[in-house]
Amino acid sequence: MSDYEKVPLFMSPGELALITGTHVQSVRRGIAEGRIPADKVNGRWVICRDAVFPNAKRVMSDGDA
């Protein structure tokens, strides 16, 4: 399993903040401003790993990271 696959496919703003080392409010602000793609599901924000890190899988598999 690659490091990329260890990142959950769907994350909450809090989980994305932990992974990226940012504050959860920065993530929420990014969602509100449209900079971070997210969908609201049952009243909660859900962020897809593949939408947030579109090039990460390719870079990690190429060994360029």
PDB file of N, CA and C in Angstrom:
ATOM      1  N   MET A   1       0.856  -1.180   0.000  1.00  0.00           N
ATOM      2  CA  MET A   1       0.000   0.000   0.000  1.00  0.00           C
ATOM      3  C   MET A   1       0.901   1.242   0.000  1.00  0.00           C
ATOM      4  N   SER A   2       0.647   2.137  -0.922  1.00  0.00           N
ATOM      5  CA  SER A   2       1.443   3.360  -1.009  1.00  0.00           C
ATOM      6  C   SER A   2       0.989   4.355   0.062  1.00  0.00           C
ATOM      7  N   ASP A   3       1.827   5.375   0.290  1.00  0.00           N
ATOM      8  CA  ASP A   3       1.459   6.422   1.252  1.00  0.00           C
ATOM      9  C   ASP A   3       0.179   7.116   0.824  1.00  0.00           C
ATOM     10  N   TYR A   4       0.001   7.277  -0.488  1.00  0.00           N
ATOM     11  CA  TYR A   4      -1.201   7.925  -1.011  1.00  0.00           C
ATOM     12  C   TYR A   4      -2.448   7.144  -0.611  1.00  0.00           C
ATOM     13  N   GLU A   5      -2.387   5.827  -0.691  1.00  0.00           N
ATOM     14  CA  GLU A   5      -3.543   4.991  -0.360  1.00  0.00           C
ATOM     15  C   GLU A   5      -3.826   4.954   1.137  1.00  0.00           C
ATOM     16  N   LYS A   6      -2.875   5.372   1.957  1.00  0.00           N
ATOM     17  CA  LYS A   6      -3.096   5.425   3.399  1.00  0.00           C
ATOM     18  C   LYS A   6      -3.959   6.624   3.793  1.00  0.00           C
ATOM     19  N   VAL A   7      -4.035   7.633   2.918  1.00  0.00           N
ATOM     20  CA  VAL A   7      -4.887   8.797   3.157  1.00  0.00           C
ATOM     21  C   VAL A   7      -6.327   8.374   2.880  1.00  0.00           C
ATOM     22  N   PRO A   8      -7.252   8.630   3.803  1.00  0.00           N
ATOM     23  CA  PRO A   8      -8.645   8.220   3.577  1.00  0.00           C
ATOM     24  C   PRO A   8      -9.210   8.829   2.292  1.00  0.00           C
ATOM     25  N   LEU A   9     -10.034   8.055   1.584  1.00  0.00           N
ATOM     26  CA  LEU A   9     -10.639   8.548   0.350  1.00  0.00           C
ATOM     27  C   LEU A   9     -11.563   9.729   0.635  1.00  0.00           C
ATOM     28  N   PHE A  10     -12.325   9.669   1.713  1.00  0.00           N
ATOM     29  CA  PHE A  10     -13.211  10.758   2.101  1.00  0.00           C
ATOM     30  C   PHE A  10     -12.820  11.235   3.497  1.00  0.00           C
ATOM     31  N   MET A  11     -12.714  12.568   3.656  1.00  0.00           N
ATOM     32  CA  MET A  11     -12.254  13.149   4.912  1.00  0.00           C
ATOM     33  C   MET A  11     -13.177  14.262   5.376  1.00  0.00           C
ATOM     34  N   SER A  12     -13.123  14.510   6.662  1.00  0.00           N
ATOM     35  CA  SER A  12     -13.790  15.675   7.238  1.00  0.00           C
ATOM     36  C   SER A  12     -12.801  16.842   7.177  1.00  0.00           C
ATOM     37  N   PRO A  13     -13.262  18.064   7.394  1.00  0.00           N
ATOM     38  CA  PRO A  13     -12.322  19.191   7.456  1.00  0.00           C
ATOM     39  C   PRO A  13     -11.240  18.989   8.528  1.00  0.00           C
ATOM     40  N   GLY A  14     -11.593  18.407   9.639  1.00  0.00           N
ATOM     41  CA  GLY A  14     -10.619  18.153  10.696  1.00  0.00           C
ATOM     42  C   GLY A  14      -9.538  17.175  10.269  1.00  0.00           C
ATOM     43  N   GLU A  15      -9.933  16.125   9.557  1.00  0.00           N
ATOM     44  CA  GLU A  15      -8.958  15.151   9.086  1.00  0.00           C
ATOM     45  C   GLU A  15      -8.023  15.765   8.041  1.00  0.00           C
ATOM     46  N   LEU A  16      -8.573  16.569   7.132  1.00  0.00           N
ATOM     47  CA  LEU A  16      -7.734  17.230   6.137  1.00  0.00           C
ATOM     48  C   LEU A  16      -6.756  18.190   6.821  1.00  0.00           C
ATOM     49  N   ALA A  17      -7.212  18.882   7.843  1.00  0.00           N
ATOM     50  CA  ALA A  17      -6.340  19.798   8.582  1.00  0.00           C
ATOM     51  C   ALA A  17      -5.172  19.043   9.214  1.00  0.00           C
ATOM     52  N   LEU A  18      -5.443  17.880   9.794  1.00  0.00           N
ATOM     53  CA  LEU A  18      -4.372  17.073  10.388  1.00  0.00           C
ATOM     54  C   LEU A  18      -3.373  16.611   9.340  1.00  0.00           C
ATOM     55  N   ILE A  19      -3.872  16.156   8.203  1.00  0.00           N
ATOM     56  CA  ILE A  19      -3.002  15.643   7.142  1.00  0.00           C
ATOM     57  C   ILE A  19      -2.125  16.740   6.561  1.00  0.00           C
ATOM     58  N   THR A  20      -2.691  17.920   6.377  1.00  0.00           N
ATOM     59  CA  THR A  20      -1.956  19.009   5.739  1.00  0.00           C
ATOM     60  C   THR A  20      -1.215  19.901   6.727  1.00  0.00           C
ATOM     61  N   GLY A  21      -1.485  19.743   8.014  1.00  0.00           N
ATOM     62  CA  GLY A  21      -0.812  20.559   9.019  1.00  0.00           C
ATOM     63  C   GLY A  21      -1.344  21.977   9.096  1.00  0.00           C
ATOM     64  N   THR A  22      -2.583  22.157   8.686  1.00  0.00           N
ATOM     65  CA  THR A  22      -3.205  23.473   8.761  1.00  0.00           C
ATOM     66  C   THR A  22      -4.265  23.479   9.858  1.00  0.00           C
ATOM     67  N   HIS A  23      -4.782  24.643  10.151  1.00  0.00           N
ATOM     68  CA  HIS A  23      -5.837  24.772  11.155  1.00  0.00           C
ATOM     69  C   HIS A  23      -7.173  24.406  10.508  1.00  0.00           C
ATOM     70  N   VAL A  24      -8.039  23.767  11.266  1.00  0.00           N
ATOM     71  CA  VAL A  24      -9.334  23.343  10.736  1.00  0.00           C
ATOM     72  C   VAL A  24     -10.141  24.533  10.216  1.00  0.00           C
ATOM     73  N   GLN A  25     -10.003  25.690  10.856  1.00  0.00           N
ATOM     74  CA  GLN A  25     -10.736  26.873  10.374  1.00  0.00           C
ATOM     75  C   GLN A  25     -10.232  27.311   8.994  1.00  0.00           C
ATOM     76  N   SER A  26      -8.954  27.111   8.729  1.00  0.00           N
ATOM     77  CA  SER A  26      -8.413  27.430   7.403  1.00  0.00           C
ATOM     78  C   SER A  26      -9.025  26.516   6.348  1.00  0.00           C
ATOM     79  N   VAL A  27      -9.206  25.255   6.703  1.00  0.00           N
ATOM     80  CA  VAL A  27      -9.845  24.313   5.781  1.00  0.00           C
ATOM     81  C   VAL A  27     -11.299  24.720   5.553  1.00  0.00           C
ATOM     82  N   ARG A  28     -12.009  25.017   6.613  1.00  0.00           N
ATOM     83  CA  ARG A  28     -13.418  25.425   6.477  1.00  0.00           C
ATOM     84  C   ARG A  28     -13.550  26.700   5.650  1.00  0.00           C
ATOM     85  N   ARG A  29     -12.632  27.632   5.854  1.00  0.00           N
ATOM     86  CA  ARG A  29     -12.643  28.874   5.070  1.00  0.00           C
ATOM     87  C   ARG A  29     -12.373  28.564   3.583  1.00  0.00           C
ATOM     88  N   GLY A  30     -11.443  27.647   3.332  1.00  0.00           N
ATOM     89  CA  GLY A  30     -11.156  27.241   1.958  1.00  0.00           C
ATOM     90  C   GLY A  30     -12.360  26.606   1.282  1.00  0.00           C
ATOM     91  N   ILE A  31     -13.126  25.855   2.035  1.00  0.00           N
ATOM     92  CA  ILE A  31     -14.362  25.262   1.498  1.00  0.00           C
ATOM     93  C   ILE A  31     -15.365  26.368   1.189  1.00  0.00           C
ATOM     94  N   ALA A  32     -15.567  27.268   2.139  1.00  0.00           N
ATOM     95  CA  ALA A  32     -16.539  28.359   1.962  1.00  0.00           C
ATOM     96  C   ALA A  32     -16.174  29.246   0.778  1.00  0.00           C
ATOM     97  N   GLU A  33     -14.879  29.453   0.547  1.00  0.00           N
ATOM     98  CA  GLU A  33     -14.430  30.308  -0.552  1.00  0.00           C
ATOM     99  C   GLU A  33     -14.307  29.555  -1.878  1.00  0.00           C
ATOM    100  N   GLY A  34     -14.545  28.242  -1.848  1.00  0.00           N
ATOM    101  CA  GLY A  34     -14.501  27.459  -3.080  1.00  0.00           C
ATOM    102  C   GLY A  34     -13.108  27.003  -3.495  1.00  0.00           C
ATOM    103  N   ARG A  35     -12.108  27.211  -2.649  1.00  0.00           N
ATOM    104  CA  ARG A  35     -10.742  26.782  -2.964  1.00  0.00           C
ATOM    105  C   ARG A  35     -10.522  25.301  -2.678  1.00  0.00           C
ATOM    106  N   ILE A  36     -11.303  24.746  -1.770  1.00  0.00           N
ATOM    107  CA  ILE A  36     -11.219  23.329  -1.438  1.00  0.00           C
ATOM    108  C   ILE A  36     -12.535  22.681  -1.845  1.00  0.00           C
ATOM    109  N   PRO A  37     -12.482  21.741  -2.797  1.00  0.00           N
ATOM    110  CA  PRO A  37     -13.725  21.094  -3.231  1.00  0.00           C
ATOM    111  C   PRO A  37     -14.271  20.173  -2.137  1.00  0.00           C
ATOM    112  N   ALA A  38     -15.536  20.341  -1.828  1.00  0.00           N
ATOM    113  CA  ALA A  38     -16.176  19.538  -0.785  1.00  0.00           C
ATOM    114  C   ALA A  38     -17.677  19.481  -1.056  1.00  0.00           C
ATOM    115  N   ASP A  39     -18.306  18.456  -0.525  1.00  0.00           N
ATOM    116  CA  ASP A  39     -19.754  18.285  -0.637  1.00  0.00           C
ATOM    117  C   ASP A  39     -20.326  18.139   0.761  1.00  0.00           C
ATOM    118  N   LYS A  40     -21.526  18.638   0.929  1.00  0.00           N
ATOM    119  CA  LYS A  40     -22.203  18.485   2.205  1.00  0.00           C
ATOM    120  C   LYS A  40     -23.066  17.228   2.135  1.00  0.00           C
ATOM    121  N   VAL A  41     -22.818  16.303   3.056  1.00  0.00           N
ATOM    122  CA  VAL A  41     -23.554  15.042   3.118  1.00  0.00           C
ATOM    123  C   VAL A  41     -24.127  14.917   4.522  1.00  0.00           C
ATOM    124  N   ASN A  42     -25.446  14.841   4.610  1.00  0.00           N
ATOM    125  CA  ASN A  42     -26.130  14.744   5.907  1.00  0.00           C
ATOM    126  C   ASN A  42     -25.676  15.844   6.865  1.00  0.00           C
ATOM    127  N   GLY A  43     -25.489  17.042   6.336  1.00  0.00           N
ATOM    128  CA  GLY A  43     -25.141  18.190   7.153  1.00  0.00           C
ATOM    129  C   GLY A  43     -23.669  18.316   7.508  1.00  0.00           C
ATOM    130  N   ARG A  44     -22.834  17.449   6.944  1.00  0.00           N
ATOM    131  CA  ARG A  44     -21.397  17.487   7.249  1.00  0.00           C
ATOM    132  C   ARG A  44     -20.599  17.615   5.961  1.00  0.00           C
ATOM    133  N   TRP A  45     -19.495  18.369   6.017  1.00  0.00           N
ATOM    134  CA  TRP A  45     -18.634  18.513   4.860  1.00  0.00           C
ATOM    135  C   TRP A  45     -17.822  17.242   4.652  1.00  0.00           C
ATOM    136  N   VAL A  46     -17.769  16.786   3.403  1.00  0.00           N
ATOM    137  CA  VAL A  46     -16.980  15.621   3.022  1.00  0.00           C
ATOM    138  C   VAL A  46     -16.046  16.039   1.896  1.00  0.00           C
ATOM    139  N   ILE A  47     -14.775  15.740   2.065  1.00  0.00           N
ATOM    140  CA  ILE A  47     -13.750  16.132   1.111  1.00  0.00           C
ATOM    141  C   ILE A  47     -13.147  14.867   0.521  1.00  0.00           C
ATOM    142  N   CYS A  48     -13.101  14.793  -0.811  1.00  0.00           N
ATOM    143  CA  CYS A  48     -12.539  13.627  -1.488  1.00  0.00           C
ATOM    144  C   CYS A  48     -11.042  13.819  -1.692  1.00  0.00           C
ATOM    145  N   ARG A  49     -10.268  12.852  -1.261  1.00  0.00           N
ATOM    146  CA  ARG A  49      -8.811  12.878  -1.395  1.00  0.00           C
ATOM    147  C   ARG A  49      -8.386  13.139  -2.841  1.00  0.00           C
ATOM    148  N   ASP A  50      -9.024  12.480  -3.794  1.00  0.00           N
ATOM    149  CA  ASP A  50      -8.628  12.594  -5.195  1.00  0.00           C
ATOM    150  C   ASP A  50      -8.896  13.986  -5.761  1.00  0.00           C
ATOM    151  N   ALA A  51      -9.854  14.703  -5.200  1.00  0.00           N
ATOM    152  CA  ALA A  51     -10.139  16.068  -5.657  1.00  0.00           C
ATOM    153  C   ALA A  51      -9.163  17.068  -5.047  1.00  0.00           C
ATOM    154  N   VAL A  52      -8.724  16.802  -3.825  1.00  0.00           N
ATOM    155  CA  VAL A  52      -7.836  17.730  -3.137  1.00  0.00           C
ATOM    156  C   VAL A  52      -6.376  17.514  -3.547  1.00  0.00           C
ATOM    157  N   PHE A  53      -6.007  16.276  -3.784  1.00  0.00           N
ATOM    158  CA  PHE A  53      -4.635  15.938  -4.154  1.00  0.00           C
ATOM    159  C   PHE A  53      -4.611  15.264  -5.529  1.00  0.00           C
ATOM    160  N   PRO A  54      -5.014  15.964  -6.590  1.00  0.00           N
ATOM    161  CA  PRO A  54      -5.167  15.311  -7.892  1.00  0.00           C
ATOM    162  C   PRO A  54      -3.876  14.756  -8.489  1.00  0.00           C
ATOM    163  N   ASN A  55      -2.728  15.303  -8.154  1.00  0.00           N
ATOM    164  CA  ASN A  55      -1.468  14.845  -8.737  1.00  0.00           C
ATOM    165  C   ASN A  55      -0.646  13.971  -7.796  1.00  0.00           C
ATOM    166  N   ALA A  56      -1.088  13.815  -6.583  1.00  0.00           N
ATOM    167  CA  ALA A  56      -0.290  13.114  -5.581  1.00  0.00           C
ATOM    168  C   ALA A  56      -0.032  11.659  -5.939  1.00  0.00           C
ATOM    169  N   LYS A  57      -1.025  10.954  -6.428  1.00  0.00           N
ATOM    170  CA  LYS A  57      -0.847   9.536  -6.742  1.00  0.00           C
ATOM    171  C   LYS A  57       0.208   9.359  -7.834  1.00  0.00           C
ATOM    172  N   ARG A  58       0.151  10.182  -8.866  1.00  0.00           N
ATOM    173  CA  ARG A  58       1.119  10.089  -9.962  1.00  0.00           C
ATOM    174  C   ARG A  58       2.518  10.404  -9.459  1.00  0.00           C
ATOM    175  N   VAL A  59       2.662  11.464  -8.693  1.00  0.00           N
ATOM    176  CA  VAL A  59       3.970  11.881  -8.198  1.00  0.00           C
ATOM    177  C   VAL A  59       4.545  10.821  -7.270  1.00  0.00           C
ATOM    178  N   MET A  60       3.719  10.286  -6.372  1.00  0.00           N
ATOM    179  CA  MET A  60       4.213   9.279  -5.432  1.00  0.00           C
ATOM    180  C   MET A  60       4.603   7.991  -6.140  1.00  0.00           C
ATOM    181  N   SER A  61       3.871   7.616  -7.186  1.00  0.00           N
ATOM    182  CA  SER A  61       4.207   6.382  -7.896  1.00  0.00           C
ATOM    183  C   SER A  61       5.421   6.567  -8.789  1.00  0.00           C
ATOM    184  N   ASP A  62       5.694   7.794  -9.249  1.00  0.00           N
ATOM    185  CA  ASP A  62       6.885   8.080 -10.057  1.00  0.00           C
ATOM    186  C   ASP A  62       8.138   8.182  -9.208  1.00  0.00           C
ATOM    187  N   GLY A  63       7.963   8.358  -7.903  1.00  0.00           N
ATOM    188  CA  GLY A  63       9.096   8.515  -7.004  1.00  0.00           C
ATOM    189  C   GLY A  63       9.674   9.903  -7.021  1.00  0.00           C
ATOM    190  N   ASP A  64       8.911  10.891  -7.508  1.00  0.00           N
ATOM    191  CA  ASP A  64       9.396  12.270  -7.602  1.00  0.00           C
ATOM    192  C   ASP A  64       9.120  13.063  -6.340  1.00  0.00           C
ATOM    193  N   ALA A  65       8.429  12.473  -5.381  1.00  0.00           N
ATOM    194  CA  ALA A  65       8.037  13.230  -4.181  1.00  0.00           C
ATOM    195  C   ALA A  65       9.199  13.525  -3.286  1.00  0.00           C
TER     196      ALA A  65
END
